[in-house]
PDB file of N, CA and C in Angstrom:
ATOM      1  N   MET A   1      11.457  -6.605   8.675  1.00  0.00           N
ATOM      2  CA  MET A   1      12.919  -6.608   9.029  1.00  0.00           C
ATOM      3  C   MET A   1      13.442  -7.117   8.324  1.00  0.00           C
ATOM      4  N   VAL A   2      14.930  -7.184   8.061  1.00  0.00           N
ATOM      5  CA  VAL A   2      15.588  -7.388   7.133  1.00  0.00           C
ATOM      6  C   VAL A   2      16.542  -7.960   8.126  1.00  0.00           C
ATOM      7  N   GLU A   3      17.481  -9.480   7.233  1.00  0.00           N
ATOM      8  CA  GLU A   3      18.453 -10.061   8.313  1.00  0.00           C
ATOM      9  C   GLU A   3      19.129 -10.862   7.092  1.00  0.00           C
ATOM     10  N   PHE A   4      20.231 -10.642   7.819  1.00  0.00           N
ATOM     11  CA  PHE A   4      21.600 -11.429   6.151  1.00  0.00           C
ATOM     12  C   PHE A   4      21.694 -13.277   7.058  1.00  0.00           C
ATOM     13  N   GLU A   5      21.666 -13.966   6.134  1.00  0.00           N
ATOM     14  CA  GLU A   5      21.967 -14.776   6.325  1.00  0.00           C
ATOM     15  C   GLU A   5      23.134 -15.199   6.098  1.00  0.00           C
ATOM     16  N   THR A   6      23.688 -15.311   7.073  1.00  0.00           N
ATOM     17  CA  THR A   6      25.207 -15.414   7.518  1.00  0.00           C
ATOM     18  C   THR A   6      26.035 -16.006   8.784  1.00  0.00           C
ATOM     19  N   THR A   7      26.992 -16.528   8.597  1.00  0.00           N
ATOM     20  CA  THR A   7      28.033 -16.973  10.092  1.00  0.00           C
ATOM     21  C   THR A   7      29.186 -15.734  10.406  1.00  0.00           C
ATOM     22  N   ASP A   8      28.968 -15.051   9.227  1.00  0.00           N
ATOM     23  CA  ASP A   8      29.692 -13.806   9.780  1.00  0.00           C
ATOM     24  C   ASP A   8      29.334 -12.946  10.712  1.00  0.00           C
ATOM     25  N   PRO A   9      29.886 -12.993  11.747  1.00  0.00           N
ATOM     26  CA  PRO A   9      29.662 -12.306  13.467  1.00  0.00           C
ATOM     27  C   PRO A   9      28.928 -10.461  13.178  1.00  0.00           C
ATOM     28  N   THR A  10      30.053  -9.981  12.269  1.00  0.00           N
ATOM     29  CA  THR A  10      29.912  -8.747  11.950  1.00  0.00           C
ATOM     30  C   THR A  10      28.860  -8.153  10.804  1.00  0.00           C
ATOM     31  N   LEU A  11      27.931  -9.300  10.270  1.00  0.00           N
ATOM     32  CA  LEU A  11      27.059  -9.078   9.838  1.00  0.00           C
ATOM     33  C   LEU A  11      25.436  -9.172   9.853  1.00  0.00           C
ATOM     34  N   LEU A  12      25.584  -9.999  11.714  1.00  0.00           N
ATOM     35  CA  LEU A  12      24.355 -10.511  12.214  1.00  0.00           C
ATOM     36  C   LEU A  12      23.733  -9.526  12.628  1.00  0.00           C
ATOM     37  N   GLY A  13      22.408  -9.644  12.641  1.00  0.00           N
ATOM     38  CA  GLY A  13      21.671  -8.774  13.706  1.00  0.00           C
ATOM     39  C   GLY A  13      20.606  -8.188  12.412  1.00  0.00           C
ATOM     40  N   GLU A  14      19.210  -7.822  13.191  1.00  0.00           N
ATOM     41  CA  GLU A  14      18.142  -7.061  12.431  1.00  0.00           C
ATOM     42  C   GLU A  14      18.367  -5.892  11.985  1.00  0.00           C
ATOM     43  N   MET A  15      18.164  -5.554  11.063  1.00  0.00           N
ATOM     44  CA  MET A  15      17.755  -3.812   9.902  1.00  0.00           C
ATOM     45  C   MET A  15      16.628  -4.034   9.745  1.00  0.00           C
ATOM     46  N   THR A  16      16.041  -2.517  10.225  1.00  0.00           N
ATOM     47  CA  THR A  16      14.425  -2.037   9.691  1.00  0.00           C
ATOM     48  C   THR A  16      15.199  -1.252   8.432  1.00  0.00           C
ATOM     49  N   ILE A  17      14.546  -1.104   7.435  1.00  0.00           N
ATOM     50  CA  ILE A  17      14.267  -0.174   6.333  1.00  0.00           C
ATOM     51  C   ILE A  17      13.319   0.572   6.147  1.00  0.00           C
ATOM     52  N   THR A  18      12.800   1.607   6.328  1.00  0.00           N
ATOM     53  CA  THR A  18      11.871   2.682   6.389  1.00  0.00           C
ATOM     54  C   THR A  18      11.557   3.450   5.091  1.00  0.00           C
ATOM     55  N   ILE A  19      10.812   3.250   4.167  1.00  0.00           N
ATOM     56  CA  ILE A  19      11.245   3.094   2.587  1.00  0.00           C
ATOM     57  C   ILE A  19       9.854   4.431   2.578  1.00  0.00           C
ATOM     58  N   SER A  20      10.487   6.326   2.299  1.00  0.00           N
ATOM     59  CA  SER A  20       8.877   7.485   2.358  1.00  0.00           C
ATOM     60  C   SER A  20       9.187   7.266   0.737  1.00  0.00           C
ATOM     61  N   LEU A  21       7.967   8.093   0.471  1.00  0.00           N
ATOM     62  CA  LEU A  21       7.997   8.153  -1.109  1.00  0.00           C
ATOM     63  C   LEU A  21       7.151   9.714  -1.091  1.00  0.00           C
ATOM     64  N   ALA A  22       7.566  10.357  -1.744  1.00  0.00           N
ATOM     65  CA  ALA A  22       6.842  11.674  -1.965  1.00  0.00           C
ATOM     66  C   ALA A  22       6.770  12.114  -3.966  1.00  0.00           C
ATOM     67  N   ASN A  23       6.335  13.039  -4.024  1.00  0.00           N
ATOM     68  CA  ASN A  23       5.494  13.485  -5.518  1.00  0.00           C
ATOM     69  C   ASN A  23       6.669  14.314  -5.229  1.00  0.00           C
ATOM     70  N   ALA A  24       7.519  14.720  -6.589  1.00  0.00           N
ATOM     71  CA  ALA A  24       8.801  15.332  -7.322  1.00  0.00           C
ATOM     72  C   ALA A  24       8.695  15.541  -8.512  1.00  0.00           C
ATOM     73  N   ASP A  25       9.129  16.630  -8.821  1.00  0.00           N
ATOM     74  CA  ASP A  25       8.628  17.740 -10.398  1.00  0.00           C
ATOM     75  C   ASP A  25       9.350  16.356 -11.488  1.00  0.00           C
ATOM     76  N   GLY A  26       8.429  15.895 -12.095  1.00  0.00           N
ATOM     77  CA  GLY A  26       8.609  14.686 -13.044  1.00  0.00           C
ATOM     78  C   GLY A  26       8.566  13.403 -12.698  1.00  0.00           C
ATOM     79  N   GLY A  27       8.835  13.167 -11.154  1.00  0.00           N
ATOM     80  CA  GLY A  27       8.546  11.619 -11.072  1.00  0.00           C
ATOM     81  C   GLY A  27       8.764  11.681  -9.159  1.00  0.00           C
ATOM     82  N   THR A  28       9.378  10.680  -8.811  1.00  0.00           N
ATOM     83  CA  THR A  28       8.972  10.591  -7.180  1.00  0.00           C
ATOM     84  C   THR A  28      10.281  10.980  -6.491  1.00  0.00           C
ATOM     85  N   ASP A  29      10.733  10.885  -4.933  1.00  0.00           N
ATOM     86  CA  ASP A  29      11.764  11.224  -4.241  1.00  0.00           C
ATOM     87  C   ASP A  29      11.379   9.825  -3.705  1.00  0.00           C
ATOM     88  N   VAL A  30      12.415   9.134  -3.947  1.00  0.00           N
ATOM     89  CA  VAL A  30      12.214   7.705  -2.312  1.00  0.00           C
ATOM     90  C   VAL A  30      13.041   8.244  -1.583  1.00  0.00           C
ATOM     91  N   LEU A  31      13.046   8.067  -0.146  1.00  0.00           N
ATOM     92  CA  LEU A  31      13.981   8.123   1.015  1.00  0.00           C
ATOM     93  C   LEU A  31      13.578   6.858   1.368  1.00  0.00           C
ATOM     94  N   ALA A  32      14.915   6.014   1.532  1.00  0.00           N
ATOM     95  CA  ALA A  32      15.524   4.982   2.417  1.00  0.00           C
ATOM     96  C   ALA A  32      15.798   4.691   3.591  1.00  0.00           C
ATOM     97  N   VAL A  33      15.659   4.785   4.707  1.00  0.00           N
ATOM     98  CA  VAL A  33      16.424   4.998   5.743  1.00  0.00           C
ATOM     99  C   VAL A  33      16.728   3.212   6.606  1.00  0.00           C
ATOM    100  N   HIS A  34      17.827   3.515   6.882  1.00  0.00           N
ATOM    101  CA  HIS A  34      17.909   2.102   7.553  1.00  0.00           C
ATOM    102  C   HIS A  34      18.655   2.164   8.691  1.00  0.00           C
ATOM    103  N   ASP A  35      18.001   1.658  10.100  1.00  0.00           N
ATOM    104  CA  ASP A  35      18.083   1.081  10.960  1.00  0.00           C
ATOM    105  C   ASP A  35      19.088  -0.284  11.669  1.00  0.00           C
ATOM    106  N   GLY A  36      19.994   0.191  11.982  1.00  0.00           N
ATOM    107  CA  GLY A  36      20.504  -1.185  12.591  1.00  0.00           C
ATOM    108  C   GLY A  36      21.229  -1.703  11.653  1.00  0.00           C
ATOM    109  N   LEU A  37      21.980  -0.918  10.912  1.00  0.00           N
ATOM    110  CA  LEU A  37      22.300  -1.490   9.280  1.00  0.00           C
ATOM    111  C   LEU A  37      23.975  -2.075  10.263  1.00  0.00           C
ATOM    112  N   PRO A  38      24.021  -3.449  10.319  1.00  0.00           N
ATOM    113  CA  PRO A  38      25.454  -4.250  11.084  1.00  0.00           C
ATOM    114  C   PRO A  38      26.468  -3.741  10.609  1.00  0.00           C
ATOM    115  N   ARG A  39      27.464  -3.637  11.532  1.00  0.00           N
ATOM    116  CA  ARG A  39      28.882  -2.974  11.571  1.00  0.00           C
ATOM    117  C   ARG A  39      29.985  -3.451  10.404  1.00  0.00           C
ATOM    118  N   GLY A  40      29.511  -4.465   9.989  1.00  0.00           N
ATOM    119  CA  GLY A  40      29.924  -5.256   8.467  1.00  0.00           C
ATOM    120  C   GLY A  40      29.738  -4.809   7.414  1.00  0.00           C
ATOM    121  N   VAL A  41      28.848  -4.027   7.393  1.00  0.00           N
ATOM    122  CA  VAL A  41      28.048  -3.317   5.992  1.00  0.00           C
ATOM    123  C   VAL A  41      28.875  -1.878   6.040  1.00  0.00           C
ATOM    124  N   PRO A  42      29.623  -1.744   5.198  1.00  0.00           N
ATOM    125  CA  PRO A  42      30.332  -0.435   5.149  1.00  0.00           C
ATOM    126  C   PRO A  42      28.881   0.406   4.698  1.00  0.00           C
ATOM    127  N   THR A  43      28.850   1.741   5.418  1.00  0.00           N
ATOM    128  CA  THR A  43      27.841   2.984   4.954  1.00  0.00           C
ATOM    129  C   THR A  43      27.716   3.201   3.366  1.00  0.00           C
ATOM    130  N   ASP A  44      29.275   3.509   2.893  1.00  0.00           N
ATOM    131  CA  ASP A  44      29.203   4.068   1.663  1.00  0.00           C
ATOM    132  C   ASP A  44      29.105   2.218   0.292  1.00  0.00           C
ATOM    133  N   ASP A  45      29.360   1.479   0.683  1.00  0.00           N
ATOM    134  CA  ASP A  45      28.617   0.199  -0.081  1.00  0.00           C
ATOM    135  C   ASP A  45      27.223   0.031   0.282  1.00  0.00           C
ATOM    136  N   ASN A  46      27.090   0.229   1.409  1.00  0.00           N
ATOM    137  CA  ASN A  46      25.484   0.536   1.329  1.00  0.00           C
ATOM    138  C   ASN A  46      24.130   1.150   0.228  1.00  0.00           C
ATOM    139  N   GLU A  47      24.880   2.568   0.290  1.00  0.00           N
ATOM    140  CA  GLU A  47      24.455   4.133  -0.448  1.00  0.00           C
ATOM    141  C   GLU A  47      24.522   3.293  -1.937  1.00  0.00           C
ATOM    142  N   ALA A  48      25.280   2.931  -2.447  1.00  0.00           N
ATOM    143  CA  ALA A  48      26.224   2.083  -3.411  1.00  0.00           C
ATOM    144  C   ALA A  48      24.795   1.235  -4.166  1.00  0.00           C
ATOM    145  N   GLY A  49      24.895   0.416  -3.213  1.00  0.00           N
ATOM    146  CA  GLY A  49      24.425  -0.510  -3.764  1.00  0.00           C
ATOM    147  C   GLY A  49      22.690  -0.359  -3.727  1.00  0.00           C
ATOM    148  N   TRP A  50      22.427   0.547  -2.935  1.00  0.00           N
ATOM    149  CA  TRP A  50      20.631   1.078  -3.093  1.00  0.00           C
ATOM    150  C   TRP A  50      20.946   2.147  -4.430  1.00  0.00           C
ATOM    151  N   ARG A  51      21.772   3.015  -4.486  1.00  0.00           N
ATOM    152  CA  ARG A  51      21.675   3.670  -5.506  1.00  0.00           C
ATOM    153  C   ARG A  51      21.564   2.903  -6.895  1.00  0.00           C
ATOM    154  N   GLU A  52      22.365   1.725  -6.848  1.00  0.00           N
ATOM    155  CA  GLU A  52      22.628   1.143  -8.021  1.00  0.00           C
ATOM    156  C   GLU A  52      21.106   0.390  -8.297  1.00  0.00           C
ATOM    157  N   SER A  53      20.562   0.253  -7.284  1.00  0.00           N
ATOM    158  CA  SER A  53      19.303  -0.890  -7.104  1.00  0.00           C
ATOM    159  C   SER A  53      18.268  -0.150  -7.931  1.00  0.00           C
ATOM    160  N   LEU A  54      18.042   1.303  -7.554  1.00  0.00           N
ATOM    161  CA  LEU A  54      17.623   2.036  -7.803  1.00  0.00           C
ATOM    162  C   LEU A  54      17.317   2.506  -9.277  1.00  0.00           C
ATOM    163  N   GLU A  55      18.496   2.950  -9.585  1.00  0.00           N
ATOM    164  CA  GLU A  55      18.645   3.035 -10.706  1.00  0.00           C
ATOM    165  C   GLU A  55      18.161   1.860 -12.170  1.00  0.00           C
ATOM    166  N   LYS A  56      18.243   0.727 -11.440  1.00  0.00           N
ATOM    167  CA  LYS A  56      18.119  -0.346 -12.216  1.00  0.00           C
ATOM    168  C   LYS A  56      16.523  -0.551 -12.315  1.00  0.00           C
ATOM    169  N   LEU A  57      15.734  -0.125 -11.395  1.00  0.00           N
ATOM    170  CA  LEU A  57      14.116  -0.307 -11.131  1.00  0.00           C
ATOM    171  C   LEU A  57      13.610   1.277 -11.791  1.00  0.00           C
ATOM    172  N   ALA A  58      14.189   2.480 -12.397  1.00  0.00           N
ATOM    173  CA  ALA A  58      14.055   3.621 -13.098  1.00  0.00           C
ATOM    174  C   ALA A  58      14.050   3.037 -14.702  1.00  0.00           C
ATOM    175  N   VAL A  59      14.740   2.418 -14.654  1.00  0.00           N
ATOM    176  CA  VAL A  59      15.103   1.824 -15.978  1.00  0.00           C
ATOM    177  C   VAL A  59      14.157   0.500 -16.706  1.00  0.00           C
ATOM    178  N   LEU A  60      13.213  -0.177 -15.411  1.00  0.00           N
ATOM    179  CA  LEU A  60      12.454  -1.128 -15.950  1.00  0.00           C
ATOM    180  C   LEU A  60      11.218  -0.107 -16.167  1.00  0.00           C
ATOM    181  N   VAL A  61      10.924   0.718 -14.682  1.00  0.00           N
ATOM    182  CA  VAL A  61       9.557   1.633 -14.979  1.00  0.00           C
ATOM    183  C   VAL A  61       9.037   2.225 -16.049  1.00  0.00           C
ATOM    184  N   GLU A  62      10.954   3.203 -16.678  1.00  0.00           N
ATOM    185  CA  GLU A  62      10.479   4.128 -17.675  1.00  0.00           C
ATOM    186  C   GLU A  62      10.250   3.066 -18.760  1.00  0.00           C
ATOM    187  N   ALA A  63      10.918   2.273 -19.252  1.00  0.00           N
ATOM    188  CA  ALA A  63      10.594   1.685 -20.326  1.00  0.00           C
ATOM    189  C   ALA A  63       9.536   0.623 -20.463  1.00  0.00           C
ATOM    190  N   GLY A  64       8.278   0.713 -19.640  1.00  0.00           N
ATOM    191  CA  GLY A  64       6.728  -0.079 -19.671  1.00  0.00           C
ATOM    192  C   GLY A  64       6.823  -0.951 -19.274  1.00  0.00           C
TER     193      GLY A  64
END
């Protein structure tokens, strides 16, 4: 469960992120499902942030 520390009422509330991993050709598929995304977080921004984070993680993992 995730909560933003904020006084902005549009960002308040609990968000649950469920992450699933599955074998894929040459790697691993990652699926992150968000339940309760606060109304103040645009879906596109949330997706872009996760995409950027996963790209950075891939660089670290592949570098060994």
